[in-house]
């Protein structure tokens, strides 16, 4: 069970790192599309 908890925590940390960068990339794409 502790192994599953550590795996879940590591997934949450990865999601916390990647999700904001993904939103930033989407907003950048939307911003550049707005210029054209």
PDB file of N, CA and C in Angstrom:
ATOM      1  N   UNK A   1       0.824  -1.217   0.000  1.00  0.00           N
ATOM      2  CA  UNK A   1       0.000   0.000   0.000  1.00  0.00           C
ATOM      3  C   UNK A   1       0.860   1.270   0.000  1.00  0.00           C
ATOM      4  N   UNK A   2       1.901   1.370   0.809  1.00  0.00           N
ATOM      5  CA  UNK A   2       2.735   2.593   0.757  1.00  0.00           C
ATOM      6  C   UNK A   2       3.310   2.820  -0.636  1.00  0.00           C
ATOM      7  N   UNK A   3       3.585   1.735  -1.358  1.00  0.00           N
ATOM      8  CA  UNK A   3       4.112   1.884  -2.707  1.00  0.00           C
ATOM      9  C   UNK A   3       3.090   2.570  -3.610  1.00  0.00           C
ATOM     10  N   UNK A   4       1.826   2.194  -3.475  1.00  0.00           N
ATOM     11  CA  UNK A   4       0.781   2.831  -4.277  1.00  0.00           C
ATOM     12  C   UNK A   4       0.635   4.302  -3.922  1.00  0.00           C
ATOM     13  N   UNK A   5       0.782   4.614  -2.638  1.00  0.00           N
ATOM     14  CA  UNK A   5       0.667   6.007  -2.201  1.00  0.00           C
ATOM     15  C   UNK A   5       1.799   6.836  -2.795  1.00  0.00           C
ATOM     16  N   UNK A   6       3.015   6.288  -2.785  1.00  0.00           N
ATOM     17  CA  UNK A   6       4.152   7.009  -3.361  1.00  0.00           C
ATOM     18  C   UNK A   6       3.964   7.196  -4.860  1.00  0.00           C
ATOM     19  N   UNK A   7       3.438   6.171  -5.528  1.00  0.00           N
ATOM     20  CA  UNK A   7       3.191   6.278  -6.960  1.00  0.00           C
ATOM     21  C   UNK A   7       2.156   7.354  -7.247  1.00  0.00           C
ATOM     22  N   UNK A   8       1.107   7.398  -6.430  1.00  0.00           N
ATOM     23  CA  UNK A   8       0.073   8.412  -6.605  1.00  0.00           C
ATOM     24  C   UNK A   8       0.641   9.807  -6.380  1.00  0.00           C
ATOM     25  N   UNK A   9       1.468   9.964  -5.337  1.00  0.00           N
ATOM     26  CA  UNK A   9       2.068  11.272  -5.060  1.00  0.00           C
ATOM     27  C   UNK A   9       2.981  11.701  -6.200  1.00  0.00           C
ATOM     28  N   UNK A  10       3.753  10.773  -6.736  1.00  0.00           N
ATOM     29  CA  UNK A  10       4.649  11.123  -7.838  1.00  0.00           C
ATOM     30  C   UNK A  10       3.842  11.531  -9.068  1.00  0.00           C
ATOM     31  N   UNK A  11       2.723  10.854  -9.312  1.00  0.00           N
ATOM     32  CA  UNK A  11       1.871  11.237 -10.446  1.00  0.00           C
ATOM     33  C   UNK A  11       1.269  12.616 -10.237  1.00  0.00           C
ATOM     34  N   UNK A  12       0.862  12.919  -9.007  1.00  0.00           N
ATOM     35  CA  UNK A  12       0.310  14.241  -8.724  1.00  0.00           C
ATOM     36  C   UNK A  12       1.364  15.322  -8.922  1.00  0.00           C
ATOM     37  N   UNK A  13       2.613  15.043  -8.499  1.00  0.00           N
ATOM     38  CA  UNK A  13       3.688  16.016  -8.685  1.00  0.00           C
ATOM     39  C   UNK A  13       3.958  16.234 -10.167  1.00  0.00           C
ATOM     40  N   UNK A  14       3.981  15.154 -10.941  1.00  0.00           N
ATOM     41  CA  UNK A  14       4.205  15.292 -12.380  1.00  0.00           C
ATOM     42  C   UNK A  14       3.071  16.080 -13.024  1.00  0.00           C
ATOM     43  N   UNK A  15       1.838  15.811 -12.609  1.00  0.00           N
ATOM     44  CA  UNK A  15       0.699  16.541 -13.153  1.00  0.00           C
ATOM     45  C   UNK A  15       0.795  18.017 -12.791  1.00  0.00           C
ATOM     46  N   UNK A  16       1.220  18.317 -11.560  1.00  0.00           N
ATOM     47  CA  UNK A  16       1.349  19.708 -11.127  1.00  0.00           C
ATOM     48  C   UNK A  16       2.423  20.421 -11.932  1.00  0.00           C
ATOM     49  N   UNK A  17       3.433  19.678 -12.386  1.00  0.00           N
ATOM     50  CA  UNK A  17       4.491  20.304 -13.180  1.00  0.00           C
ATOM     51  C   UNK A  17       4.057  20.488 -14.630  1.00  0.00           C
ATOM     52  N   UNK A  18       3.369  19.487 -15.197  1.00  0.00           N
ATOM     53  CA  UNK A  18       3.100  19.510 -16.634  1.00  0.00           C
ATOM     54  C   UNK A  18       1.825  20.260 -16.996  1.00  0.00           C
ATOM     55  N   UNK A  19       0.820  20.235 -16.140  1.00  0.00           N
ATOM     56  CA  UNK A  19      -0.458  20.865 -16.490  1.00  0.00           C
ATOM     57  C   UNK A  19      -0.327  22.380 -16.671  1.00  0.00           C
ATOM     58  N   UNK A  20       0.322  23.116 -15.757  1.00  0.00           N
ATOM     59  CA  UNK A  20       0.460  24.568 -15.977  1.00  0.00           C
ATOM     60  C   UNK A  20       1.226  24.889 -17.252  1.00  0.00           C
ATOM     61  N   UNK A  21       2.274  24.136 -17.564  1.00  0.00           N
ATOM     62  CA  UNK A  21       3.027  24.389 -18.788  1.00  0.00           C
ATOM     63  C   UNK A  21       2.153  24.095 -20.009  1.00  0.00           C
ATOM     64  N   UNK A  22       1.288  23.090 -19.905  1.00  0.00           N
ATOM     65  CA  UNK A  22       0.372  22.791 -21.000  1.00  0.00           C
ATOM     66  C   UNK A  22      -0.628  23.914 -21.204  1.00  0.00           C
ATOM     67  N   UNK A  23      -1.152  24.480 -20.115  1.00  0.00           N
ATOM     68  CA  UNK A  23      -2.072  25.606 -20.234  1.00  0.00           C
ATOM     69  C   UNK A  23      -1.361  26.812 -20.827  1.00  0.00           C
ATOM     70  N   UNK A  24      -0.093  27.028 -20.438  1.00  0.00           N
ATOM     71  CA  UNK A  24       0.667  28.157 -20.965  1.00  0.00           C
ATOM     72  C   UNK A  24       0.885  27.983 -22.465  1.00  0.00           C
ATOM     73  N   UNK A  25       1.188  26.762 -22.894  1.00  0.00           N
ATOM     74  CA  UNK A  25       1.383  26.498 -24.316  1.00  0.00           C
ATOM     75  C   UNK A  25       0.082  26.734 -25.077  1.00  0.00           C
ATOM     76  N   UNK A  26      -1.048  26.289 -24.521  1.00  0.00           N
ATOM     77  CA  UNK A  26      -2.332  26.501 -25.184  1.00  0.00           C
ATOM     78  C   UNK A  26      -2.657  27.986 -25.277  1.00  0.00           C
ATOM     79  N   UNK A  27      -2.390  28.741 -24.226  1.00  0.00           N
ATOM     80  CA  UNK A  27      -2.667  30.178 -24.249  1.00  0.00           C
ATOM     81  C   UNK A  27      -1.743  30.874 -25.239  1.00  0.00           C
ATOM     82  N   UNK A  28      -0.487  30.412 -25.353  1.00  0.00           N
ATOM     83  CA  UNK A  28       0.431  30.993 -26.330  1.00  0.00           C
ATOM     84  C   UNK A  28      -0.066  30.724 -27.747  1.00  0.00           C
ATOM     85  N   UNK A  29      -0.531  29.499 -27.993  1.00  0.00           N
ATOM     86  CA  UNK A  29      -1.055  29.156 -29.317  1.00  0.00           C
ATOM     87  C   UNK A  29      -2.293  29.995 -29.620  1.00  0.00           C
ATOM     88  N   UNK A  30      -3.165  30.169 -28.646  1.00  0.00           N
ATOM     89  CA  UNK A  30      -4.366  30.975 -28.843  1.00  0.00           C
ATOM     90  C   UNK A  30      -3.984  32.430 -29.097  1.00  0.00           C
ATOM     91  N   UNK A  31      -2.959  32.927 -28.395  1.00  0.00           N
ATOM     92  CA  UNK A  31      -2.528  34.310 -28.579  1.00  0.00           C
ATOM     93  C   UNK A  31      -1.940  34.527 -29.965  1.00  0.00           C
ATOM     94  N   UNK A  32      -1.106  33.599 -30.420  1.00  0.00           N
ATOM     95  CA  UNK A  32      -0.512  33.751 -31.749  1.00  0.00           C
ATOM     96  C   UNK A  32      -1.576  33.589 -32.826  1.00  0.00           C
ATOM     97  N   UNK A  33      -2.549  32.701 -32.605  1.00  0.00           N
ATOM     98  CA  UNK A  33      -3.636  32.536 -33.569  1.00  0.00           C
ATOM     99  C   UNK A  33      -4.480  33.808 -33.624  1.00  0.00           C
ATOM    100  N   UNK A  34      -4.599  34.513 -32.496  1.00  0.00           N
ATOM    101  CA  UNK A  34      -5.370  35.752 -32.464  1.00  0.00           C
ATOM    102  C   UNK A  34      -4.717  36.843 -33.307  1.00  0.00           C
ATOM    103  N   UNK A  35      -3.396  36.838 -33.371  1.00  0.00           N
ATOM    104  CA  UNK A  35      -2.711  37.853 -34.173  1.00  0.00           C
ATOM    105  C   UNK A  35      -2.959  37.638 -35.656  1.00  0.00           C
ATOM    106  N   UNK A  36      -3.030  36.364 -36.067  1.00  0.00           N
ATOM    107  CA  UNK A  36      -3.272  36.078 -37.476  1.00  0.00           C
ATOM    108  C   UNK A  36      -4.768  36.098 -37.761  1.00  0.00           C
TER     109      UNK A  36
END
